[in-house]
Amino acid sequence: SYVREAGPQLGLSAVEEENAPPYERVSCGRHG
């Protein structure tokens, strides 16, 4: 819900598909 609400302002994208696989990792990079 946070990504969906704040994503456009913060440059994030939400995965909308209900059956989408979980993310692969949390990555600490230059973009956060």
All heavy atoms as atom14 arrays in JSON, in Angstrom:
{
  "sequence": "SYVREAGPQLGLSAVEEENAPPYERVSCGRHG",
  "atom14_mask": [
    [1, 1, 1, 1, 1, 1, 0, 0, 0, 0, 0, 0, 0, 0],
    [1, 1, 1, 1, 1, 1, 1, 1, 1, 1, 1, 1, 0, 0],
    [1, 1, 1, 1, 1, 1, 1, 0, 0, 0, 0, 0, 0, 0],
    [1, 1, 1, 1, 1, 1, 1, 1, 1, 1, 1, 0, 0, 0],
    [1, 1, 1, 1, 1, 1, 1, 1, 1, 0, 0, 0, 0, 0],
    [1, 1, 1, 1, 1, 0, 0, 0, 0, 0, 0, 0, 0, 0],
    [1, 1, 1, 1, 0, 0, 0, 0, 0, 0, 0, 0, 0, 0],
    [1, 1, 1, 1, 1, 1, 1, 0, 0, 0, 0, 0, 0, 0],
    [1, 1, 1, 1, 1, 1, 1, 1, 1, 0, 0, 0, 0, 0],
    [1, 1, 1, 1, 1, 1, 1, 1, 0, 0, 0, 0, 0, 0],
    [1, 1, 1, 1, 0, 0, 0, 0, 0, 0, 0, 0, 0, 0],
    [1, 1, 1, 1, 1, 1, 1, 1, 0, 0, 0, 0, 0, 0],
    [1, 1, 1, 1, 1, 1, 0, 0, 0, 0, 0, 0, 0, 0],
    [1, 1, 1, 1, 1, 0, 0, 0, 0, 0, 0, 0, 0, 0],
    [1, 1, 1, 1, 1, 1, 1, 0, 0, 0, 0, 0, 0, 0],
    [1, 1, 1, 1, 1, 1, 1, 1, 1, 0, 0, 0, 0, 0],
    [1, 1, 1, 1, 1, 1, 1, 1, 1, 0, 0, 0, 0, 0],
    [1, 1, 1, 1, 1, 1, 1, 1, 1, 0, 0, 0, 0, 0],
    [1, 1, 1, 1, 1, 1, 1, 1, 0, 0, 0, 0, 0, 0],
    [1, 1, 1, 1, 1, 0, 0, 0, 0, 0, 0, 0, 0, 0],
    [1, 1, 1, 1, 1, 1, 1, 0, 0, 0, 0, 0, 0, 0],
    [1, 1, 1, 1, 1, 1, 1, 0, 0, 0, 0, 0, 0, 0],
    [1, 1, 1, 1, 1, 1, 1, 1, 1, 1, 1, 1, 0, 0],
    [1, 1, 1, 1, 1, 1, 1, 1, 1, 0, 0, 0, 0, 0],
    [1, 1, 1, 1, 1, 1, 1, 1, 1, 1, 1, 0, 0, 0],
    [1, 1, 1, 1, 1, 1, 1, 0, 0, 0, 0, 0, 0, 0],
    [1, 1, 1, 1, 1, 1, 0, 0, 0, 0, 0, 0, 0, 0],
    [1, 1, 1, 1, 1, 1, 0, 0, 0, 0, 0, 0, 0, 0],
    [1, 1, 1, 1, 0, 0, 0, 0, 0, 0, 0, 0, 0, 0],
    [1, 1, 1, 1, 1, 1, 1, 1, 1, 1, 1, 0, 0, 0],
    [1, 1, 1, 1, 1, 1, 1, 1, 1, 1, 0, 0, 0, 0],
    [1, 1, 1, 1, 0, 0, 0, 0, 0, 0, 0, 0, 0, 0]
  ],
  "atom14_positions": [
    [[0.82, -1.2, 0.0], [0.0, 0.0, 0.0], [0.86, 1.26, 0.0], [0.53, 2.25, -0.66], [-0.94, 0.01, 1.22], [-0.18, -0.01, 2.42], [0.0, 0.0, 0.0], [0.0, 0.0, 0.0], [0.0, 0.0, 0.0], [0.0, 0.0, 0.0], [0.0, 0.0, 0.0], [0.0, 0.0, 0.0], [0.0, 0.0, 0.0], [0.0, 0.0, 0.0]],
    [[2.0, 1.21, 0.71], [2.9, 2.36, 0.75], [3.48, 2.64, -0.64], [3.53, 3.79, -1.08], [4.03, 2.11, 1.74], [5.13, 3.14, 1.7], [4.91, 4.44, 2.17], [6.39, 2.82, 1.2], [5.92, 5.39, 2.14], [7.4, 3.76, 1.16], [7.16, 5.05, 1.63], [8.16, 5.97, 1.59], [0.0, 0.0, 0.0], [0.0, 0.0, 0.0]],
    [[3.92, 1.59, -1.32], [4.47, 1.76, -2.66], [3.41, 2.3, -3.61], [3.68, 3.17, -4.45], [5.05, 0.43, -3.18], [5.46, 0.55, -4.64], [6.25, 0.0, -2.35], [0.0, 0.0, 0.0], [0.0, 0.0, 0.0], [0.0, 0.0, 0.0], [0.0, 0.0, 0.0], [0.0, 0.0, 0.0], [0.0, 0.0, 0.0], [0.0, 0.0, 0.0]],
    [[2.19, 1.81, -3.47], [1.11, 2.26, -4.35], [0.78, 3.74, -4.11], [0.52, 4.49, -5.05], [-0.13, 1.4, -4.11], [-1.26, 1.65, -5.13], [-2.43, 0.71, -4.87], [-2.07, -0.67, -5.16], [-2.0, -1.63, -4.24], [-2.24, -1.36, -2.96], [-1.69, -2.86, -4.58], [0.0, 0.0, 0.0], [0.0, 0.0, 0.0], [0.0, 0.0, 0.0]],
    [[0.81, 4.16, -2.84], [0.44, 5.54, -2.51], [1.57, 6.53, -2.77], [1.38, 7.61, -3.31], [0.01, 5.62, -1.05], [-1.28, 4.87, -0.75], [-1.52, 4.71, 0.75], [-0.72, 5.29, 1.53], [-2.46, 4.0, 1.13], [0.0, 0.0, 0.0], [0.0, 0.0, 0.0], [0.0, 0.0, 0.0], [0.0, 0.0, 0.0], [0.0, 0.0, 0.0]],
    [[2.78, 6.15, -2.32], [3.91, 7.09, -2.39], [4.81, 6.86, -3.59], [5.67, 7.69, -3.87], [4.74, 6.98, -1.11], [0.0, 0.0, 0.0], [0.0, 0.0, 0.0], [0.0, 0.0, 0.0], [0.0, 0.0, 0.0], [0.0, 0.0, 0.0], [0.0, 0.0, 0.0], [0.0, 0.0, 0.0], [0.0, 0.0, 0.0], [0.0, 0.0, 0.0]],
    [[4.6, 5.77, -4.3], [5.47, 5.41, -5.41], [5.67, 6.49, -6.45], [6.81, 6.78, -6.84], [0.0, 0.0, 0.0], [0.0, 0.0, 0.0], [0.0, 0.0, 0.0], [0.0, 0.0, 0.0], [0.0, 0.0, 0.0], [0.0, 0.0, 0.0], [0.0, 0.0, 0.0], [0.0, 0.0, 0.0], [0.0, 0.0, 0.0], [0.0, 0.0, 0.0]],
    [[4.6, 7.11, -6.96], [4.78, 8.12, -8.0], [5.68, 9.27, -7.59], [6.44, 9.8, -8.4], [3.34, 8.6, -8.26], [2.49, 7.44, -7.88], [3.18, 6.82, -6.7], [0.0, 0.0, 0.0], [0.0, 0.0, 0.0], [0.0, 0.0, 0.0], [0.0, 0.0, 0.0], [0.0, 0.0, 0.0], [0.0, 0.0, 0.0], [0.0, 0.0, 0.0]],
    [[5.6, 9.69, -6.31], [6.42, 10.8, -5.85], [7.87, 10.37, -5.57], [8.8, 11.16, -5.7], [5.84, 11.4, -4.56], [4.54, 12.16, -4.76], [3.36, 11.23, -4.92], [3.37, 10.12, -4.39], [2.34, 11.66, -5.65], [0.0, 0.0, 0.0], [0.0, 0.0, 0.0], [0.0, 0.0, 0.0], [0.0, 0.0, 0.0], [0.0, 0.0, 0.0]],
    [[8.05, 9.08, -5.19], [9.37, 8.63, -4.77], [10.08, 7.79, -5.82], [11.18, 7.29, -5.59], [9.26, 7.81, -3.47], [8.67, 8.57, -2.27], [8.55, 7.65, -1.08], [9.53, 9.77, -1.93], [0.0, 0.0, 0.0], [0.0, 0.0, 0.0], [0.0, 0.0, 0.0], [0.0, 0.0, 0.0], [0.0, 0.0, 0.0], [0.0, 0.0, 0.0]],
    [[9.44, 7.61, -6.97], [10.08, 6.85, -8.04], [10.04, 5.36, -7.83], [10.9, 4.62, -8.32], [0.0, 0.0, 0.0], [0.0, 0.0, 0.0], [0.0, 0.0, 0.0], [0.0, 0.0, 0.0], [0.0, 0.0, 0.0], [0.0, 0.0, 0.0], [0.0, 0.0, 0.0], [0.0, 0.0, 0.0], [0.0, 0.0, 0.0], [0.0, 0.0, 0.0]],
    [[9.03, 4.87, -7.08], [8.88, 3.44, -6.85], [7.78, 2.9, -7.74], [6.91, 3.62, -8.2], [8.52, 3.17, -5.38], [9.46, 3.75, -4.33], [8.88, 3.53, -2.95], [10.83, 3.11, -4.44], [0.0, 0.0, 0.0], [0.0, 0.0, 0.0], [0.0, 0.0, 0.0], [0.0, 0.0, 0.0], [0.0, 0.0, 0.0], [0.0, 0.0, 0.0]],
    [[7.81, 1.6, -7.96], [6.74, 0.97, -8.75], [6.17, -0.18, -7.97], [6.88, -0.93, -7.31], [7.29, 0.46, -10.09], [8.32, -0.48, -9.87], [0.0, 0.0, 0.0], [0.0, 0.0, 0.0], [0.0, 0.0, 0.0], [0.0, 0.0, 0.0], [0.0, 0.0, 0.0], [0.0, 0.0, 0.0], [0.0, 0.0, 0.0], [0.0, 0.0, 0.0]],
    [[4.85, -0.32, -8.03], [4.18, -1.38, -7.29], [3.89, -2.56, -8.21], [3.62, -2.39, -9.39], [2.86, -0.85, -6.7], [0.0, 0.0, 0.0], [0.0, 0.0, 0.0], [0.0, 0.0, 0.0], [0.0, 0.0, 0.0], [0.0, 0.0, 0.0], [0.0, 0.0, 0.0], [0.0, 0.0, 0.0], [0.0, 0.0, 0.0], [0.0, 0.0, 0.0]],
    [[3.93, -3.75, -7.64], [3.55, -4.95, -8.39], [2.08, -5.2, -8.11], [1.68, -5.45, -6.99], [4.39, -6.16, -7.92], [3.94, -7.41, -8.63], [5.87, -5.9, -8.18], [0.0, 0.0, 0.0], [0.0, 0.0, 0.0], [0.0, 0.0, 0.0], [0.0, 0.0, 0.0], [0.0, 0.0, 0.0], [0.0, 0.0, 0.0], [0.0, 0.0, 0.0]],
    [[1.26, -5.12, -9.13], [-0.18, -5.2, -8.95], [-0.71, -6.62, -9.04], [-1.78, -6.93, -8.54], [-0.89, -4.34, -10.01], [-0.55, -2.85, -9.91], [-1.05, -2.23, -8.63], [-1.95, -2.8, -8.0], [-0.53, -1.16, -8.25], [0.0, 0.0, 0.0], [0.0, 0.0, 0.0], [0.0, 0.0, 0.0], [0.0, 0.0, 0.0], [0.0, 0.0, 0.0]],
    [[0.02, -7.52, -9.71], [-0.51, -8.85, -9.92], [-0.64, -9.58, -8.6], [0.29, -9.65, -7.82], [0.4, -9.65, -10.86], [0.51, -9.08, -12.27], [1.53, -7.96, -12.37], [2.07, -7.56, -11.31], [1.76, -7.47, -13.49], [0.0, 0.0, 0.0], [0.0, 0.0, 0.0], [0.0, 0.0, 0.0], [0.0, 0.0, 0.0], [0.0, 0.0, 0.0]],
    [[-1.83, -10.18, -8.37], [-2.06, -10.88, -7.12], [-1.16, -12.09, -6.97], [-0.76, -12.44, -5.88], [-3.55, -11.33, -7.05], [-4.51, -10.16, -6.86], [-4.28, -9.46, -5.53], [-3.96, -10.13, -4.53], [-4.4, -8.22, -5.49], [0.0, 0.0, 0.0], [0.0, 0.0, 0.0], [0.0, 0.0, 0.0], [0.0, 0.0, 0.0], [0.0, 0.0, 0.0]],
    [[-0.85, -12.76, -8.09], [-0.04, -13.97, -8.03], [1.42, -13.72, -8.36], [2.16, -14.63, -8.71], [-0.61, -15.02, -9.0], [-2.01, -15.45, -8.59], [-2.29, -15.62, -7.41], [-2.88, -15.63, -9.57], [0.0, 0.0, 0.0], [0.0, 0.0, 0.0], [0.0, 0.0, 0.0], [0.0, 0.0, 0.0], [0.0, 0.0, 0.0], [0.0, 0.0, 0.0]],
    [[1.85, -12.45, -8.28], [3.24, -12.13, -8.59], [4.15, -12.78, -7.55], [3.81, -12.88, -6.38], [3.45, -10.63, -8.6], [0.0, 0.0, 0.0], [0.0, 0.0, 0.0], [0.0, 0.0, 0.0], [0.0, 0.0, 0.0], [0.0, 0.0, 0.0], [0.0, 0.0, 0.0], [0.0, 0.0, 0.0], [0.0, 0.0, 0.0], [0.0, 0.0, 0.0]],
    [[5.34, -13.25, -7.97], [6.26, -13.87, -7.01], [6.81, -12.84, -6.05], [6.83, -11.65, -6.35], [7.37, -14.43, -7.91], [7.34, -13.55, -9.13], [5.89, -13.18, -9.33], [0.0, 0.0, 0.0], [0.0, 0.0, 0.0], [0.0, 0.0, 0.0], [0.0, 0.0, 0.0], [0.0, 0.0, 0.0], [0.0, 0.0, 0.0], [0.0, 0.0, 0.0]],
    [[7.25, -13.29, -4.87], [7.86, -12.34, -3.93], [9.16, -11.8, -4.49], [9.75, -12.38, -5.4], [8.13, -13.2, -2.69], [8.24, -14.59, -3.22], [7.28, -14.66, -4.38], [0.0, 0.0, 0.0], [0.0, 0.0, 0.0], [0.0, 0.0, 0.0], [0.0, 0.0, 0.0], [0.0, 0.0, 0.0], [0.0, 0.0, 0.0], [0.0, 0.0, 0.0]],
    [[9.6, -10.66, -3.95], [10.82, -10.05, -4.44], [12.01, -10.97, -4.19], [11.98, -11.85, -3.35], [11.04, -8.69, -3.78], [11.36, -8.75, -2.31], [12.67, -8.94, -1.89], [10.37, -8.66, -1.36], [12.98, -9.0, -0.56], [10.68, -8.73, -0.02], [11.98, -8.9, 0.38], [12.27, -8.96, 1.71], [0.0, 0.0, 0.0], [0.0, 0.0, 0.0]],
    [[13.07, -10.73, -4.92], [14.25, -11.57, -4.8], [15.15, -11.17, -3.64], [15.77, -12.01, -3.02], [15.08, -11.5, -6.11], [14.4, -12.17, -7.28], [14.23, -13.68, -7.05], [15.09, -14.29, -6.4], [13.22, -14.22, -7.51], [0.0, 0.0, 0.0], [0.0, 0.0, 0.0], [0.0, 0.0, 0.0], [0.0, 0.0, 0.0], [0.0, 0.0, 0.0]],
    [[15.2, -9.89, -3.33], [16.08, -9.46, -2.26], [15.78, -8.01, -1.89], [15.12, -7.3, -2.63], [17.55, -9.57, -2.66], [17.96, -8.62, -3.77], [19.37, -8.89, -4.25], [19.8, -7.94, -5.26], [19.47, -7.99, -6.53], [18.69, -8.95, -6.97], [19.91, -7.1, -7.39], [0.0, 0.0, 0.0], [0.0, 0.0, 0.0], [0.0, 0.0, 0.0]],
    [[16.28, -7.6, -0.74], [16.33, -6.19, -0.4], [17.74, -5.72, -0.73], [18.71, -6.26, -0.23], [16.04, -5.95, 1.09], [16.21, -4.49, 1.43], [14.62, -6.38, 1.42], [0.0, 0.0, 0.0], [0.0, 0.0, 0.0], [0.0, 0.0, 0.0], [0.0, 0.0, 0.0], [0.0, 0.0, 0.0], [0.0, 0.0, 0.0], [0.0, 0.0, 0.0]],
    [[17.84, -4.74, -1.62], [19.15, -4.31, -2.11], [19.48, -2.93, -1.58], [18.68, -2.01, -1.67], [19.15, -4.27, -3.64], [20.33, -3.72, -4.14], [0.0, 0.0, 0.0], [0.0, 0.0, 0.0], [0.0, 0.0, 0.0], [0.0, 0.0, 0.0], [0.0, 0.0, 0.0], [0.0, 0.0, 0.0], [0.0, 0.0, 0.0], [0.0, 0.0, 0.0]],
    [[20.69, -2.78, -1.02], [21.16, -1.5, -0.51], [22.1, -0.9, -1.54], [23.27, -1.23, -1.6], [21.87, -1.68, 0.82], [22.35, -0.16, 1.61], [0.0, 0.0, 0.0], [0.0, 0.0, 0.0], [0.0, 0.0, 0.0], [0.0, 0.0, 0.0], [0.0, 0.0, 0.0], [0.0, 0.0, 0.0], [0.0, 0.0, 0.0], [0.0, 0.0, 0.0]],
    [[21.58, -0.01, -2.39], [22.38, 0.57, -3.46], [22.32, 2.08, -3.44], [21.82, 2.68, -2.51], [0.0, 0.0, 0.0], [0.0, 0.0, 0.0], [0.0, 0.0, 0.0], [0.0, 0.0, 0.0], [0.0, 0.0, 0.0], [0.0, 0.0, 0.0], [0.0, 0.0, 0.0], [0.0, 0.0, 0.0], [0.0, 0.0, 0.0], [0.0, 0.0, 0.0]],
    [[22.82, 2.7, -4.49], [22.91, 4.16, -4.53], [21.54, 4.82, -4.56], [21.38, 5.97, -4.22], [23.74, 4.62, -5.73], [23.07, 4.45, -7.06], [23.97, 4.91, -8.2], [24.27, 6.33, -8.08], [23.49, 7.29, -8.59], [22.37, 6.99, -9.23], [23.84, 8.56, -8.49], [0.0, 0.0, 0.0], [0.0, 0.0, 0.0], [0.0, 0.0, 0.0]],
    [[20.53, 4.08, -4.95], [19.19, 4.64, -4.99], [18.36, 4.24, -3.78], [17.15, 4.35, -3.79], [18.47, 4.23, -6.27], [19.08, 4.82, -7.5], [19.16, 6.17, -7.7], [19.69, 4.23, -8.56], [19.77, 6.41, -8.87], [20.1, 5.25, -9.41], [0.0, 0.0, 0.0], [0.0, 0.0, 0.0], [0.0, 0.0, 0.0], [0.0, 0.0, 0.0]],
    [[19.02, 3.73, -2.75], [18.31, 3.46, -1.52], [18.09, 1.99, -1.28], [18.68, 1.13, -1.92], [0.0, 0.0, 0.0], [0.0, 0.0, 0.0], [0.0, 0.0, 0.0], [0.0, 0.0, 0.0], [0.0, 0.0, 0.0], [0.0, 0.0, 0.0], [0.0, 0.0, 0.0], [0.0, 0.0, 0.0], [0.0, 0.0, 0.0], [0.0, 0.0, 0.0]]
  ]
}
